[in-house]
């Protein structure tokens, strides 16, 4: 089974034209896709009541991929003034598990995504960190995504995949710009019989390395996949489907508003229909015609 969705549900205005402002976005999103990646949990551990609301707003077969909090993946290296919001790693992981409990209780948790930063390279210390994180997560399904090429360079690919299989991590296949050590190649493999995750980040190499830039959100994921690129991926996904019971595909090329279109294109290539049963998008509202020069005469 191949399930296709988007990273976040707030930035895809074309999906909400019919509903307008009168309805919440998540229930409308669920008419188009059966899975979504939650990004807000990376920036702050949410209240359990928020995730309970999300569970209640979505159909029974809807699922969430929830991003691990940045303190759990080493992105937050001390915060402002070097102070962390949790007294210990144990307290931080416990707070996260408490937050996602309503999604798990509803049977809607597909995986917790641990996306490690570009400076998290392949070292013995990093392996110890991964083992500690997985142990703290208990039996929650966890997916692993690297951003440092050392995990898949110089003969390390098979060792990295073997480690993930042995430790119980779900492999995340990434399509992303090839922009030096802070990016990884496509590694078409599975480490879990039940699940493989695929994330589409776009191929904007110029925008990929944007650390410190105020406009990084506008450029990092600015890319639209063309039909040939999607067709190539349709074949890959069918191969991955033979390796895992389910392949979860998530489009993250949101900077230019291309994620939803590309996801629907790929669904059509795979012979899938959205839950609503139609690909028809409401047309954009017509902008009032601009007055031509001298029209007021």
C-alpha atoms as a PDB file:
ATOM      1  CA  UNK A   1       0.000   0.000   0.000  1.00  0.00           C
ATOM      2  CA  UNK A   2       1.222   3.480  -0.882  1.00  0.00           C
ATOM      3  CA  UNK A   3      -0.211   6.416   1.083  1.00  0.00           C
ATOM      4  CA  UNK A   4       0.514   9.957  -0.071  1.00  0.00           C
ATOM      5  CA  UNK A   5       0.239  13.166   1.946  1.00  0.00           C
ATOM      6  CA  UNK A   6       1.851  16.498   2.725  1.00  0.00           C
ATOM      7  CA  UNK A   7       4.119  17.988   5.344  1.00  0.00           C
ATOM      8  CA  UNK A   8       1.724  20.183   7.313  1.00  0.00           C
ATOM      9  CA  UNK A   9      -1.841  21.099   6.415  1.00  0.00           C
ATOM     10  CA  UNK A  10      -1.827  24.872   6.796  1.00  0.00           C
ATOM     11  CA  UNK A  11       0.024  26.085   3.705  1.00  0.00           C
ATOM     12  CA  UNK A  12      -1.988  24.583   0.859  1.00  0.00           C
ATOM     13  CA  UNK A  13      -4.615  27.222   0.099  1.00  0.00           C
ATOM     14  CA  UNK A  14      -5.849  25.541  -3.079  1.00  0.00           C
ATOM     15  CA  UNK A  15      -7.282  22.676  -1.007  1.00  0.00           C
ATOM     16  CA  UNK A  16      -9.532  24.991   1.000  1.00  0.00           C
ATOM     17  CA  UNK A  17     -11.191  27.187  -1.644  1.00  0.00           C
ATOM     18  CA  UNK A  18     -14.510  25.363  -1.467  1.00  0.00           C
ATOM     19  CA  UNK A  19     -14.685  25.397   2.332  1.00  0.00           C
ATOM     20  CA  UNK A  20     -13.619  29.010   2.737  1.00  0.00           C
ATOM     21  CA  UNK A  21     -12.756  30.366   6.166  1.00  0.00           C
ATOM     22  CA  UNK A  22     -15.751  28.819   7.933  1.00  0.00           C
ATOM     23  CA  UNK A  23     -14.180  25.398   8.515  1.00  0.00           C
ATOM     24  CA  UNK A  24     -11.009  24.207  10.157  1.00  0.00           C
ATOM     25  CA  UNK A  25      -8.324  23.164   7.713  1.00  0.00           C
ATOM     26  CA  UNK A  26      -7.469  19.710   9.052  1.00  0.00           C
ATOM     27  CA  UNK A  27     -10.925  18.140   8.412  1.00  0.00           C
ATOM     28  CA  UNK A  28     -10.846  19.566   4.876  1.00  0.00           C
ATOM     29  CA  UNK A  29      -7.289  18.336   4.332  1.00  0.00           C
ATOM     30  CA  UNK A  30      -8.481  14.848   5.336  1.00  0.00           C
ATOM     31  CA  UNK A  31     -10.848  14.881   2.348  1.00  0.00           C
ATOM     32  CA  UNK A  32      -7.783  14.983   0.091  1.00  0.00           C
ATOM     33  CA  UNK A  33      -5.185  12.849   1.878  1.00  0.00           C
ATOM     34  CA  UNK A  34      -5.138  10.046   4.472  1.00  0.00           C
ATOM     35  CA  UNK A  35      -1.822  10.975   6.080  1.00  0.00           C
ATOM     36  CA  UNK A  36      -0.063  14.160   7.182  1.00  0.00           C
ATOM     37  CA  UNK A  37       3.247  15.094   8.735  1.00  0.00           C
ATOM     38  CA  UNK A  38       3.028  17.305  11.821  1.00  0.00           C
ATOM     39  CA  UNK A  39       5.841  19.874  11.853  1.00  0.00           C
ATOM     40  CA  UNK A  40       4.756  22.048  14.798  1.00  0.00           C
ATOM     41  CA  UNK A  41       5.874  19.394  17.288  1.00  0.00           C
ATOM     42  CA  UNK A  42       9.465  19.990  16.167  1.00  0.00           C
ATOM     43  CA  UNK A  43       9.387  23.564  17.474  1.00  0.00           C
ATOM     44  CA  UNK A  44       7.522  22.901  20.726  1.00  0.00           C
ATOM     45  CA  UNK A  45       6.000  19.914  22.464  1.00  0.00           C
ATOM     46  CA  UNK A  46       2.275  20.482  22.139  1.00  0.00           C
ATOM     47  CA  UNK A  47      -0.365  20.002  24.808  1.00  0.00           C
ATOM     48  CA  UNK A  48      -2.014  16.585  24.685  1.00  0.00           C
ATOM     49  CA  UNK A  49      -5.378  18.337  24.286  1.00  0.00           C
ATOM     50  CA  UNK A  50      -4.216  19.758  20.941  1.00  0.00           C
ATOM     51  CA  UNK A  51      -3.348  16.335  19.575  1.00  0.00           C
ATOM     52  CA  UNK A  52      -6.590  14.922  20.950  1.00  0.00           C
ATOM     53  CA  UNK A  53      -8.434  17.581  18.938  1.00  0.00           C
ATOM     54  CA  UNK A  54      -6.551  16.553  15.792  1.00  0.00           C
ATOM     55  CA  UNK A  55      -7.466  12.919  16.389  1.00  0.00           C
ATOM     56  CA  UNK A  56     -11.136  13.837  16.816  1.00  0.00           C
ATOM     57  CA  UNK A  57     -11.177  16.003  13.676  1.00  0.00           C
ATOM     58  CA  UNK A  58     -10.008  13.247  11.337  1.00  0.00           C
ATOM     59  CA  UNK A  59     -11.537  10.014   9.984  1.00  0.00           C
ATOM     60  CA  UNK A  60     -10.836   6.661  11.596  1.00  0.00           C
ATOM     61  CA  UNK A  61      -8.353   5.625   8.887  1.00  0.00           C
ATOM     62  CA  UNK A  62      -6.381   8.887   8.971  1.00  0.00           C
ATOM     63  CA  UNK A  63      -2.805   8.776  10.309  1.00  0.00           C
ATOM     64  CA  UNK A  64      -0.133  11.184  11.490  1.00  0.00           C
ATOM     65  CA  UNK A  65       3.634  11.228  11.126  1.00  0.00           C
ATOM     66  CA  UNK A  66       4.722  13.399  14.061  1.00  0.00           C
ATOM     67  CA  UNK A  67       8.083  15.121  13.990  1.00  0.00           C
ATOM     68  CA  UNK A  68      10.223  14.661  17.075  1.00  0.00           C
ATOM     69  CA  UNK A  69      10.877  17.789  19.126  1.00  0.00           C
ATOM     70  CA  UNK A  70      14.106  19.597  18.203  1.00  0.00           C
ATOM     71  CA  UNK A  71      15.626  18.973  21.629  1.00  0.00           C
ATOM     72  CA  UNK A  72      15.261  15.238  21.019  1.00  0.00           C
ATOM     73  CA  UNK A  73      17.285  15.395  17.795  1.00  0.00           C
ATOM     74  CA  UNK A  74      19.990  17.835  18.867  1.00  0.00           C
ATOM     75  CA  UNK A  75      18.808  20.791  16.795  1.00  0.00           C
ATOM     76  CA  UNK A  76      18.266  22.816  19.967  1.00  0.00           C
ATOM     77  CA  UNK A  77      21.788  23.087  21.336  1.00  0.00           C
ATOM     78  CA  UNK A  78      20.889  25.006  24.454  1.00  0.00           C
ATOM     79  CA  UNK A  79      18.403  27.609  23.260  1.00  0.00           C
ATOM     80  CA  UNK A  80      18.591  31.234  24.235  1.00  0.00           C
ATOM     81  CA  UNK A  81      21.117  31.801  26.978  1.00  0.00           C
ATOM     82  CA  UNK A  82      22.036  28.119  26.922  1.00  0.00           C
ATOM     83  CA  UNK A  83      18.911  27.160  28.906  1.00  0.00           C
ATOM     84  CA  UNK A  84      16.761  24.198  27.979  1.00  0.00           C
ATOM     85  CA  UNK A  85      13.016  24.032  28.662  1.00  0.00           C
ATOM     86  CA  UNK A  86      13.295  20.561  30.272  1.00  0.00           C
ATOM     87  CA  UNK A  87      15.360  19.612  33.306  1.00  0.00           C
ATOM     88  CA  UNK A  88      16.609  16.398  31.705  1.00  0.00           C
ATOM     89  CA  UNK A  89      16.424  14.335  28.538  1.00  0.00           C
ATOM     90  CA  UNK A  90      14.208  11.899  30.389  1.00  0.00           C
ATOM     91  CA  UNK A  91      11.722  14.647  31.247  1.00  0.00           C
ATOM     92  CA  UNK A  92      11.754  15.903  27.659  1.00  0.00           C
ATOM     93  CA  UNK A  93      11.025  12.495  26.125  1.00  0.00           C
ATOM     94  CA  UNK A  94       8.359  11.823  28.759  1.00  0.00           C
ATOM     95  CA  UNK A  95       6.633  15.115  27.917  1.00  0.00           C
ATOM     96  CA  UNK A  96       6.678  14.260  24.218  1.00  0.00           C
ATOM     97  CA  UNK A  97       5.236  10.792  24.785  1.00  0.00           C
ATOM     98  CA  UNK A  98       2.509  12.278  26.963  1.00  0.00           C
ATOM     99  CA  UNK A  99       1.666  14.782  24.219  1.00  0.00           C
ATOM    100  CA  UNK A 100       1.272  12.171  21.479  1.00  0.00           C
ATOM    101  CA  UNK A 101      -0.668   9.729  23.684  1.00  0.00           C
ATOM    102  CA  UNK A 102      -4.105  10.745  22.296  1.00  0.00           C
ATOM    103  CA  UNK A 103      -2.961  10.090  18.714  1.00  0.00           C
ATOM    104  CA  UNK A 104      -1.596   6.696  19.733  1.00  0.00           C
ATOM    105  CA  UNK A 105      -4.747   5.834  21.680  1.00  0.00           C
ATOM    106  CA  UNK A 106      -6.835   6.622  18.602  1.00  0.00           C
ATOM    107  CA  UNK A 107      -4.691   4.268  16.503  1.00  0.00           C
ATOM    108  CA  UNK A 108      -3.606   7.151  14.278  1.00  0.00           C
ATOM    109  CA  UNK A 109       0.139   7.327  14.875  1.00  0.00           C
ATOM    110  CA  UNK A 110       2.046   6.133  11.830  1.00  0.00           C
ATOM    111  CA  UNK A 111       5.479   7.089  13.148  1.00  0.00           C
ATOM    112  CA  UNK A 112       7.503   9.633  15.074  1.00  0.00           C
ATOM    113  CA  UNK A 113      10.030  11.124  12.663  1.00  0.00           C
ATOM    114  CA  UNK A 114      13.512  11.749  14.050  1.00  0.00           C
ATOM    115  CA  UNK A 115      15.143  14.079  11.529  1.00  0.00           C
ATOM    116  CA  UNK A 116      18.699  14.657  12.675  1.00  0.00           C
ATOM    117  CA  UNK A 117      20.594  17.870  11.800  1.00  0.00           C
ATOM    118  CA  UNK A 118      23.281  18.304   9.111  1.00  0.00           C
ATOM    119  CA  UNK A 119      26.039  18.260  11.734  1.00  0.00           C
ATOM    120  CA  UNK A 120      24.941  14.873  13.137  1.00  0.00           C
ATOM    121  CA  UNK A 121      27.584  12.762  11.425  1.00  0.00           C
ATOM    122  CA  UNK A 122      28.359   9.062  11.556  1.00  0.00           C
ATOM    123  CA  UNK A 123      30.365   8.577  14.749  1.00  0.00           C
ATOM    124  CA  UNK A 124      30.308   6.202  17.702  1.00  0.00           C
ATOM    125  CA  UNK A 125      28.845   8.993  19.844  1.00  0.00           C
ATOM    126  CA  UNK A 126      26.019   9.526  17.336  1.00  0.00           C
ATOM    127  CA  UNK A 127      25.213   5.816  17.392  1.00  0.00           C
ATOM    128  CA  UNK A 128      24.975   5.977  21.185  1.00  0.00           C
ATOM    129  CA  UNK A 129      22.603   8.950  20.914  1.00  0.00           C
ATOM    130  CA  UNK A 130      20.387   7.021  18.479  1.00  0.00           C
ATOM    131  CA  UNK A 131      20.241   4.016  20.782  1.00  0.00           C
ATOM    132  CA  UNK A 132      19.348   6.165  23.768  1.00  0.00           C
ATOM    133  CA  UNK A 133      16.591   7.961  21.842  1.00  0.00           C
ATOM    134  CA  UNK A 134      15.064   4.716  20.598  1.00  0.00           C
ATOM    135  CA  UNK A 135      15.129   3.237  24.091  1.00  0.00           C
ATOM    136  CA  UNK A 136      13.355   6.281  25.546  1.00  0.00           C
ATOM    137  CA  UNK A 137      10.596   6.001  22.916  1.00  0.00           C
ATOM    138  CA  UNK A 138       9.626   2.517  24.067  1.00  0.00           C
ATOM    139  CA  UNK A 139       7.360   0.747  21.579  1.00  0.00           C
ATOM    140  CA  UNK A 140       6.385   3.890  19.650  1.00  0.00           C
ATOM    141  CA  UNK A 141       7.165   3.449  15.930  1.00  0.00           C
ATOM    142  CA  UNK A 142      10.126   5.693  15.057  1.00  0.00           C
ATOM    143  CA  UNK A 143      11.458   6.737  11.659  1.00  0.00           C
ATOM    144  CA  UNK A 144      15.014   7.885  11.088  1.00  0.00           C
ATOM    145  CA  UNK A 145      16.202  10.579   8.664  1.00  0.00           C
ATOM    146  CA  UNK A 146      19.769  11.778   8.374  1.00  0.00           C
ATOM    147  CA  UNK A 147      21.025  15.012   6.831  1.00  0.00           C
ATOM    148  CA  UNK A 148      24.764  14.221   6.917  1.00  0.00           C
ATOM    149  CA  UNK A 149      26.189  12.279   3.984  1.00  0.00           C
ATOM    150  CA  UNK A 150      28.664  10.311   6.112  1.00  0.00           C
ATOM    151  CA  UNK A 151      25.931   7.806   6.995  1.00  0.00           C
ATOM    152  CA  UNK A 152      25.755   6.729   3.338  1.00  0.00           C
ATOM    153  CA  UNK A 153      29.321   7.392   2.121  1.00  0.00           C
ATOM    154  CA  UNK A 154      32.458   5.270   1.780  1.00  0.00           C
ATOM    155  CA  UNK A 155      30.744   1.916   2.100  1.00  0.00           C
ATOM    156  CA  UNK A 156      28.622   2.950   5.098  1.00  0.00           C
ATOM    157  CA  UNK A 157      25.195   2.516   3.456  1.00  0.00           C
ATOM    158  CA  UNK A 158      24.730  -1.172   4.251  1.00  0.00           C
ATOM    159  CA  UNK A 159      26.103  -0.709   7.766  1.00  0.00           C
ATOM    160  CA  UNK A 160      23.699   2.176   8.409  1.00  0.00           C
ATOM    161  CA  UNK A 161      20.736   0.181   7.091  1.00  0.00           C
ATOM    162  CA  UNK A 162      21.751  -2.894   9.093  1.00  0.00           C
ATOM    163  CA  UNK A 163      21.957  -0.778  12.247  1.00  0.00           C
ATOM    164  CA  UNK A 164      18.479   0.655  11.596  1.00  0.00           C
ATOM    165  CA  UNK A 165      17.023  -2.833  11.081  1.00  0.00           C
ATOM    166  CA  UNK A 166      18.673  -4.186  14.208  1.00  0.00           C
ATOM    167  CA  UNK A 167      17.601  -1.263  16.393  1.00  0.00           C
ATOM    168  CA  UNK A 168      14.020  -1.095  15.064  1.00  0.00           C
ATOM    169  CA  UNK A 169      14.149   2.196  13.124  1.00  0.00           C
ATOM    170  CA  UNK A 170      11.947   2.829  10.073  1.00  0.00           C
ATOM    171  CA  UNK A 171      14.069   3.971   7.120  1.00  0.00           C
ATOM    172  CA  UNK A 172      13.252   7.344   5.557  1.00  0.00           C
ATOM    173  CA  UNK A 173      14.072   7.628   1.858  1.00  0.00           C
ATOM    174  CA  UNK A 174      14.734  11.238   0.837  1.00  0.00           C
ATOM    175  CA  UNK A 175      14.598  13.052  -2.470  1.00  0.00           C
ATOM    176  CA  UNK A 176      16.586  16.219  -1.839  1.00  0.00           C
ATOM    177  CA  UNK A 177      19.227  18.443  -3.450  1.00  0.00           C
ATOM    178  CA  UNK A 178      22.703  16.978  -3.678  1.00  0.00           C
ATOM    179  CA  UNK A 179      24.511  19.881  -2.052  1.00  0.00           C
ATOM    180  CA  UNK A 180      27.570  18.578  -0.280  1.00  0.00           C
ATOM    181  CA  UNK A 181      27.947  16.844   3.091  1.00  0.00           C
ATOM    182  CA  UNK A 182      24.691  18.327   4.432  1.00  0.00           C
ATOM    183  CA  UNK A 183      22.558  16.244   2.090  1.00  0.00           C
ATOM    184  CA  UNK A 184      22.023  12.542   1.486  1.00  0.00           C
ATOM    185  CA  UNK A 185      21.446  10.474  -1.664  1.00  0.00           C
ATOM    186  CA  UNK A 186      18.319   8.507  -2.475  1.00  0.00           C
ATOM    187  CA  UNK A 187      18.738   5.203  -0.635  1.00  0.00           C
ATOM    188  CA  UNK A 188      16.051   2.916  -2.007  1.00  0.00           C
ATOM    189  CA  UNK A 189      15.757   0.407   0.817  1.00  0.00           C
ATOM    190  CA  UNK A 190      13.542  -0.700   3.695  1.00  0.00           C
ATOM    191  CA  UNK A 191      14.530  -1.521   7.261  1.00  0.00           C
ATOM    192  CA  UNK A 192      11.065  -2.350   8.597  1.00  0.00           C
ATOM    193  CA  UNK A 193       8.673  -4.942   7.180  1.00  0.00           C
ATOM    194  CA  UNK A 194       5.632  -2.838   8.008  1.00  0.00           C
ATOM    195  CA  UNK A 195       6.636   0.689   6.995  1.00  0.00           C
ATOM    196  CA  UNK A 196       8.944   2.818   4.850  1.00  0.00           C
ATOM    197  CA  UNK A 197       8.705   6.607   4.664  1.00  0.00           C
ATOM    198  CA  UNK A 198       9.601   8.696   1.611  1.00  0.00           C
ATOM    199  CA  UNK A 199       9.991  12.489   1.873  1.00  0.00           C
ATOM    200  CA  UNK A 200      10.172  14.849  -1.093  1.00  0.00           C
ATOM    201  CA  UNK A 201      12.163  17.968  -0.218  1.00  0.00           C
ATOM    202  CA  UNK A 202      12.619  19.271  -3.781  1.00  0.00           C
ATOM    203  CA  UNK A 203      15.877  19.670  -5.688  1.00  0.00           C
ATOM    204  CA  UNK A 204      16.704  23.337  -5.185  1.00  0.00           C
ATOM    205  CA  UNK A 205      20.437  23.014  -4.545  1.00  0.00           C
ATOM    206  CA  UNK A 206      20.976  26.781  -4.374  1.00  0.00           C
ATOM    207  CA  UNK A 207      18.391  27.142  -1.606  1.00  0.00           C
ATOM    208  CA  UNK A 208      19.254  24.018   0.379  1.00  0.00           C
ATOM    209  CA  UNK A 209      22.111  25.500   2.381  1.00  0.00           C
ATOM    210  CA  UNK A 210      20.377  28.516   3.908  1.00  0.00           C
ATOM    211  CA  UNK A 211      21.441  28.455   7.561  1.00  0.00           C
ATOM    212  CA  UNK A 212      21.038  31.880   9.116  1.00  0.00           C
ATOM    213  CA  UNK A 213      19.124  33.370   6.215  1.00  0.00           C
ATOM    214  CA  UNK A 214      15.876  35.074   7.253  1.00  0.00           C
ATOM    215  CA  UNK A 215      14.147  33.867   4.077  1.00  0.00           C
ATOM    216  CA  UNK A 216      15.130  30.199   4.377  1.00  0.00           C
ATOM    217  CA  UNK A 217      11.516  29.028   4.430  1.00  0.00           C
ATOM    218  CA  UNK A 218      10.907  30.789   1.120  1.00  0.00           C
ATOM    219  CA  UNK A 219      13.790  29.163  -0.737  1.00  0.00           C
ATOM    220  CA  UNK A 220      14.856  25.834   0.784  1.00  0.00           C
ATOM    221  CA  UNK A 221      11.884  23.844  -0.485  1.00  0.00           C
ATOM    222  CA  UNK A 222      11.184  25.928  -3.595  1.00  0.00           C
ATOM    223  CA  UNK A 223      10.831  23.276  -6.265  1.00  0.00           C
ATOM    224  CA  UNK A 224       8.175  21.702  -8.479  1.00  0.00           C
ATOM    225  CA  UNK A 225       8.656  18.126  -9.642  1.00  0.00           C
ATOM    226  CA  UNK A 226       7.927  17.569 -13.321  1.00  0.00           C
ATOM    227  CA  UNK A 227       6.050  14.587 -14.757  1.00  0.00           C
ATOM    228  CA  UNK A 228       9.194  12.675 -15.684  1.00  0.00           C
ATOM    229  CA  UNK A 229      10.579  12.995 -12.151  1.00  0.00           C
ATOM    230  CA  UNK A 230       7.292  11.851 -10.623  1.00  0.00           C
ATOM    231  CA  UNK A 231       7.021   8.941 -13.065  1.00  0.00           C
ATOM    232  CA  UNK A 232      10.495   7.798 -12.043  1.00  0.00           C
ATOM    233  CA  UNK A 233       9.373   7.907  -8.424  1.00  0.00           C
ATOM    234  CA  UNK A 234       6.154   6.014  -9.159  1.00  0.00           C
ATOM    235  CA  UNK A 235       8.307   3.092 -10.310  1.00  0.00           C
ATOM    236  CA  UNK A 236      10.524   3.386  -7.227  1.00  0.00           C
ATOM    237  CA  UNK A 237       7.530   3.424  -4.909  1.00  0.00           C
ATOM    238  CA  UNK A 238       6.170   0.246  -6.458  1.00  0.00           C
ATOM    239  CA  UNK A 239       9.527  -1.413  -5.795  1.00  0.00           C
ATOM    240  CA  UNK A 240       9.542  -0.150  -2.201  1.00  0.00           C
ATOM    241  CA  UNK A 241       6.000  -1.464  -1.794  1.00  0.00           C
ATOM    242  CA  UNK A 242       7.420  -4.961  -2.291  1.00  0.00           C
ATOM    243  CA  UNK A 243       9.800  -4.409   0.632  1.00  0.00           C
ATOM    244  CA  UNK A 244       7.320  -3.002   3.209  1.00  0.00           C
ATOM    245  CA  UNK A 245       3.612  -3.462   3.755  1.00  0.00           C
ATOM    246  CA  UNK A 246       3.123   0.299   3.571  1.00  0.00           C
ATOM    247  CA  UNK A 247       5.021   3.156   1.956  1.00  0.00           C
ATOM    248  CA  UNK A 248       4.167   6.599   3.322  1.00  0.00           C
ATOM    249  CA  UNK A 249       4.999   9.419   0.891  1.00  0.00           C
ATOM    250  CA  UNK A 250       5.206  13.008   2.152  1.00  0.00           C
ATOM    251  CA  UNK A 251       5.711  16.089  -0.013  1.00  0.00           C
ATOM    252  CA  UNK A 252       7.670  18.865   1.699  1.00  0.00           C
ATOM    253  CA  UNK A 253       8.226  21.155  -1.317  1.00  0.00           C
ATOM    254  CA  UNK A 254       6.001  23.820   0.225  1.00  0.00           C
ATOM    255  CA  UNK A 255       7.975  27.015  -0.378  1.00  0.00           C
ATOM    256  CA  UNK A 256       6.272  27.723  -3.708  1.00  0.00           C
ATOM    257  CA  UNK A 257       2.968  25.996  -2.992  1.00  0.00           C
ATOM    258  CA  UNK A 258       3.790  22.968  -5.170  1.00  0.00           C
ATOM    259  CA  UNK A 259       3.414  20.145  -2.637  1.00  0.00           C
ATOM    260  CA  UNK A 260      -0.327  19.523  -2.994  1.00  0.00           C
ATOM    261  CA  UNK A 261      -0.259  19.629  -6.795  1.00  0.00           C
ATOM    262  CA  UNK A 262       2.683  17.244  -6.983  1.00  0.00           C
ATOM    263  CA  UNK A 263       1.085  14.867  -4.472  1.00  0.00           C
ATOM    264  CA  UNK A 264      -2.153  14.736  -6.455  1.00  0.00           C
ATOM    265  CA  UNK A 265      -0.196  14.206  -9.689  1.00  0.00           C
ATOM    266  CA  UNK A 266       1.617  11.249  -8.169  1.00  0.00           C
ATOM    267  CA  UNK A 267      -1.638   9.801  -6.842  1.00  0.00           C
ATOM    268  CA  UNK A 268      -3.098   9.942 -10.345  1.00  0.00           C
ATOM    269  CA  UNK A 269      -0.026   8.191 -11.776  1.00  0.00           C
ATOM    270  CA  UNK A 270      -0.493   5.405  -9.223  1.00  0.00           C
ATOM    271  CA  UNK A 271      -4.202   5.066 -10.021  1.00  0.00           C
ATOM    272  CA  UNK A 272      -5.316   6.452  -6.667  1.00  0.00           C
ATOM    273  CA  UNK A 273      -8.176   8.804  -5.854  1.00  0.00           C
ATOM    274  CA  UNK A 274      -8.330  11.227  -2.905  1.00  0.00           C
ATOM    275  CA  UNK A 275     -10.735  10.204  -0.105  1.00  0.00           C
ATOM    276  CA  UNK A 276     -13.242  12.716  -1.529  1.00  0.00           C
ATOM    277  CA  UNK A 277     -13.345  10.646  -4.731  1.00  0.00           C
ATOM    278  CA  UNK A 278     -12.334  13.428  -7.098  1.00  0.00           C
ATOM    279  CA  UNK A 279      -9.269  15.420  -8.100  1.00  0.00           C
ATOM    280  CA  UNK A 280     -11.350  18.492  -8.944  1.00  0.00           C
ATOM    281  CA  UNK A 281     -10.018  21.645  -7.301  1.00  0.00           C
ATOM    282  CA  UNK A 282     -12.210  24.701  -6.914  1.00  0.00           C
ATOM    283  CA  UNK A 283     -11.054  27.404  -9.332  1.00  0.00           C
ATOM    284  CA  UNK A 284      -9.232  30.383  -7.838  1.00  0.00           C
ATOM    285  CA  UNK A 285     -11.346  33.440  -7.236  1.00  0.00           C
ATOM    286  CA  UNK A 286     -11.147  35.881 -10.103  1.00  0.00           C
ATOM    287  CA  UNK A 287      -9.249  39.009  -9.246  1.00  0.00           C
ATOM    288  CA  UNK A 288     -11.113  42.209 -10.120  1.00  0.00           C
ATOM    289  CA  UNK A 289      -9.933  43.595 -13.428  1.00  0.00           C
ATOM    290  CA  UNK A 290      -7.453  46.358 -12.997  1.00  0.00           C
ATOM    291  CA  UNK A 291      -8.525  49.677 -14.396  1.00  0.00           C
ATOM    292  CA  UNK A 292      -6.729  50.461 -17.575  1.00  0.00           C
ATOM    293  CA  UNK A 293      -5.105  53.807 -18.010  1.00  0.00           C
ATOM    294  CA  UNK A 294      -7.683  56.525 -18.756  1.00  0.00           C
ATOM    295  CA  UNK A 295     -10.687  54.181 -18.013  1.00  0.00           C
ATOM    296  CA  UNK A 296     -12.006  56.835 -15.646  1.00  0.00           C
ATOM    297  CA  UNK A 297     -12.478  59.380 -18.395  1.00  0.00           C
END
